[in-house]
Amino acid sequence: MTGPTDARPPEDYRLLVPRDWFRIDLTLERWRPQLKTFVDRQTAGRPVSAEARRELWTTLRNTAESGVARGALELFLRAEAGSAMPATLLVSLLPMRGALNTPPKEFAAALATRRGDNADITVVPLPASDTVRVTTATTLDLYVHMPADSGYLLLAFTAPLTGIAGPMGELCAAIGGSLRWV
């Protein structure tokens, strides 16, 4: 493991995300109005039909609701030029204690079996810890192993317009590399 070997689970994490990413705290009940604010800003001054606006709201709401049901803590949204659909970062806690906890290499092998050939799955060292990196053309998932074998923190990036290759992928990787336990 490349990160700290503290025997206690972390109390929190710190993540550096650029200022132009809109943050929504999914642990609070007010996330829906925050999401509506983002959709209003994203579509303001653009020739966007009411149907496209509803579709954007529905897609992002479903992403947030699904994330909340699976332990998501935060949702970050970044407007991409020329597209109503933003790039996203969904941060989720995946607690896995005792027999449920799997070291990163075994977790990567299990993900590879489950996902098949449509993703590139590797284990990479990040400053926070060894991390299972799963990439497709438009997604980057970083399963960061938490100290004290307490589970994983999942950083799930999606870039529907630009894809993960190139500058957006480098930005997502840099955000993931900024993760620190506190």
Protein backbone atom coordinates (compact mmCIF):
# COMPACT_ATOMS: atom_id res chain seq x y z
CA MET A 1 0.00 0.00 0.00
CA THR A 2 1.32 3.46 -0.87
CA GLY A 3 -0.73 5.45 1.65
CA PRO A 4 -0.64 5.64 5.42
CA THR A 5 -0.88 2.41 7.38
CA ASP A 6 -2.99 3.82 10.21
CA ALA A 7 -4.98 1.13 12.04
CA ARG A 8 -8.02 3.40 12.36
CA PRO A 9 -10.54 4.16 9.63
CA PRO A 10 -10.36 7.77 8.40
CA GLU A 11 -12.84 10.27 9.80
CA ASP A 12 -13.11 12.15 6.52
CA TYR A 13 -11.36 12.89 3.25
CA ARG A 14 -10.16 15.92 1.34
CA LEU A 15 -10.42 16.19 -2.40
CA LEU A 16 -9.24 19.07 -4.59
CA VAL A 17 -11.87 19.80 -7.24
CA PRO A 18 -11.59 22.85 -9.54
CA ARG A 19 -13.83 25.79 -8.71
CA ASP A 20 -15.78 25.50 -11.95
CA TRP A 21 -17.23 22.16 -10.79
CA PHE A 22 -20.63 22.64 -9.10
CA ARG A 23 -20.79 20.72 -5.77
CA ILE A 24 -23.94 19.08 -4.42
CA ASP A 25 -23.89 17.58 -0.93
CA LEU A 26 -25.96 14.40 -1.22
CA THR A 27 -25.96 13.80 2.54
CA LEU A 28 -28.37 16.71 3.04
CA GLU A 29 -32.04 16.85 2.11
CA ARG A 30 -31.51 20.04 0.11
CA TRP A 31 -29.70 18.37 -2.79
CA ARG A 32 -32.71 18.62 -5.16
CA PRO A 33 -32.83 22.45 -5.05
CA GLN A 34 -29.05 22.52 -5.52
CA LEU A 35 -29.41 20.29 -8.57
CA LYS A 36 -32.20 22.49 -9.95
CA THR A 37 -29.92 25.53 -9.54
CA PHE A 38 -27.27 23.77 -11.64
CA VAL A 39 -29.79 22.82 -14.37
CA ASP A 40 -31.11 26.39 -14.46
CA ARG A 41 -27.57 27.77 -14.81
CA GLN A 42 -26.65 25.16 -17.42
CA THR A 43 -29.62 26.00 -19.64
CA ALA A 44 -29.84 29.78 -19.05
CA GLY A 45 -29.22 31.82 -22.17
CA ARG A 46 -29.08 28.75 -24.39
CA PRO A 47 -31.58 27.67 -26.98
CA VAL A 48 -32.63 24.60 -24.98
CA SER A 49 -36.12 23.20 -25.39
CA ALA A 50 -38.29 22.49 -22.37
CA GLU A 51 -38.06 18.79 -23.25
CA ALA A 52 -34.23 18.87 -23.27
CA ARG A 53 -34.24 20.74 -19.97
CA ARG A 54 -36.56 18.13 -18.40
CA GLU A 55 -34.36 15.34 -19.81
CA LEU A 56 -31.24 16.92 -18.27
CA TRP A 57 -33.03 17.35 -14.92
CA THR A 58 -34.34 13.76 -15.01
CA THR A 59 -30.96 12.26 -15.92
CA LEU A 60 -29.10 14.17 -13.21
CA ARG A 61 -31.83 13.55 -10.61
CA ASN A 62 -31.77 9.82 -11.37
CA THR A 63 -27.97 9.81 -11.08
CA ALA A 64 -28.18 11.54 -7.70
CA GLU A 65 -31.01 9.34 -6.39
CA SER A 66 -29.25 6.17 -7.49
CA GLY A 67 -26.05 7.41 -5.89
CA VAL A 68 -27.75 8.27 -2.61
CA ALA A 69 -29.28 4.78 -2.49
CA ARG A 70 -25.76 3.34 -2.86
CA GLY A 71 -23.92 5.49 -0.33
CA ALA A 72 -23.02 8.57 -2.39
CA LEU A 73 -21.76 11.54 -0.43
CA GLU A 74 -21.19 14.23 -3.06
CA LEU A 75 -21.93 14.96 -6.69
CA PHE A 76 -19.79 17.39 -8.67
CA LEU A 77 -20.93 18.70 -12.07
CA ARG A 78 -18.88 20.51 -14.70
CA ALA A 79 -20.46 22.12 -17.72
CA GLU A 80 -18.88 20.95 -20.97
CA ALA A 81 -18.81 23.37 -23.90
CA GLY A 82 -21.38 22.62 -26.55
CA SER A 83 -23.31 20.11 -24.45
CA ALA A 84 -26.18 20.33 -22.01
CA MET A 85 -24.95 17.11 -20.34
CA PRO A 86 -22.16 17.90 -17.86
CA ALA A 87 -19.14 15.92 -16.80
CA THR A 88 -19.78 14.41 -13.36
CA LEU A 89 -17.94 13.13 -10.31
CA LEU A 90 -19.93 11.02 -7.88
CA VAL A 91 -18.16 10.29 -4.58
CA SER A 92 -19.46 7.22 -2.74
CA LEU A 93 -18.52 5.33 0.40
CA LEU A 94 -18.36 1.55 0.01
CA PRO A 95 -17.92 0.16 3.54
CA MET A 96 -16.47 -3.36 3.54
CA ARG A 97 -15.36 -4.68 6.91
CA GLY A 98 -14.07 -8.06 7.95
CA ALA A 99 -14.62 -10.85 5.45
CA LEU A 100 -16.30 -8.45 3.01
CA ASN A 101 -13.14 -6.37 2.64
CA THR A 102 -11.00 -7.37 -0.32
CA PRO A 103 -7.45 -6.17 -1.08
CA PRO A 104 -7.20 -4.04 -4.25
CA LYS A 105 -5.69 -6.79 -6.46
CA GLU A 106 -8.47 -9.24 -5.57
CA PHE A 107 -11.11 -6.51 -5.91
CA ALA A 108 -9.76 -5.66 -9.38
CA ALA A 109 -9.93 -9.33 -10.41
CA ALA A 110 -13.54 -9.56 -9.19
CA LEU A 111 -14.46 -6.39 -11.11
CA ALA A 112 -12.77 -7.72 -14.25
CA THR A 113 -14.81 -10.93 -14.03
CA ARG A 114 -18.04 -9.01 -13.51
CA ARG A 115 -17.48 -6.31 -16.14
CA GLY A 116 -16.00 -8.44 -18.90
CA ASP A 117 -13.91 -6.98 -21.71
CA ASN A 118 -15.56 -3.55 -21.94
CA ALA A 119 -13.29 -1.89 -19.35
CA ASP A 120 -9.59 -1.54 -18.61
CA ILE A 121 -9.01 -2.50 -14.96
CA THR A 122 -5.70 -1.95 -13.18
CA VAL A 123 -4.38 -1.38 -9.67
CA VAL A 124 -2.46 1.89 -9.36
CA PRO A 125 -0.68 3.53 -6.44
CA LEU A 126 -2.14 6.89 -5.43
CA PRO A 127 -0.98 9.02 -2.49
CA ALA A 128 -4.10 8.07 -0.47
CA SER A 129 -3.76 4.32 -1.06
CA ASP A 130 -3.60 1.58 -3.67
CA THR A 131 -6.51 2.13 -6.03
CA VAL A 132 -8.47 0.02 -8.47
CA ARG A 133 -8.76 2.06 -11.68
CA VAL A 134 -11.56 1.16 -14.11
CA THR A 135 -11.73 3.04 -17.42
CA THR A 136 -14.03 3.00 -20.42
CA ALA A 137 -14.31 5.52 -23.25
CA THR A 138 -16.43 7.93 -21.17
CA THR A 139 -15.91 6.83 -17.54
CA LEU A 140 -13.16 6.60 -14.95
CA ASP A 141 -13.87 4.86 -11.65
CA LEU A 142 -11.27 5.02 -8.89
CA TYR A 143 -11.89 2.62 -6.01
CA VAL A 144 -9.53 3.99 -3.36
CA HIS A 145 -8.78 1.45 -0.62
CA MET A 146 -9.41 3.02 2.79
CA PRO A 147 -7.08 2.66 5.78
CA ALA A 148 -7.80 -0.01 8.40
CA ASP A 149 -9.39 -2.21 5.72
CA SER A 150 -12.66 -0.30 6.17
CA GLY A 151 -13.70 -0.39 2.52
CA TYR A 152 -13.33 1.82 -0.52
CA LEU A 153 -14.09 5.38 -1.47
CA LEU A 154 -15.35 5.40 -5.05
CA LEU A 155 -14.64 8.40 -7.27
CA ALA A 156 -16.85 7.81 -10.33
CA PHE A 157 -16.13 10.25 -13.17
CA THR A 158 -18.23 10.51 -16.34
CA ALA A 159 -17.36 12.70 -19.33
CA PRO A 160 -20.08 12.04 -21.93
CA LEU A 161 -18.93 14.64 -24.47
CA THR A 162 -15.13 14.67 -24.37
CA GLY A 163 -14.54 11.18 -23.05
CA ILE A 164 -11.88 10.19 -20.57
CA ALA A 165 -8.95 10.22 -23.00
CA GLY A 166 -7.01 13.46 -23.21
CA PRO A 167 -7.25 16.56 -21.01
CA MET A 168 -10.49 15.58 -19.24
CA GLY A 169 -9.04 12.21 -18.26
CA GLU A 170 -5.89 13.91 -17.01
CA LEU A 171 -8.00 16.31 -14.94
CA CYS A 172 -10.02 13.43 -13.46
CA ALA A 173 -6.81 11.54 -12.62
CA ALA A 174 -5.39 14.67 -10.96
CA ILE A 175 -8.53 15.09 -8.86
CA GLY A 176 -8.25 11.44 -7.80
CA GLY A 177 -4.58 11.91 -6.99
CA SER A 178 -5.44 14.81 -4.68
CA LEU A 179 -7.44 12.60 -2.29
CA ARG A 180 -6.15 12.65 1.29
CA TRP A 181 -7.53 11.01 4.44
CA VAL A 182 -8.18 13.10 7.55
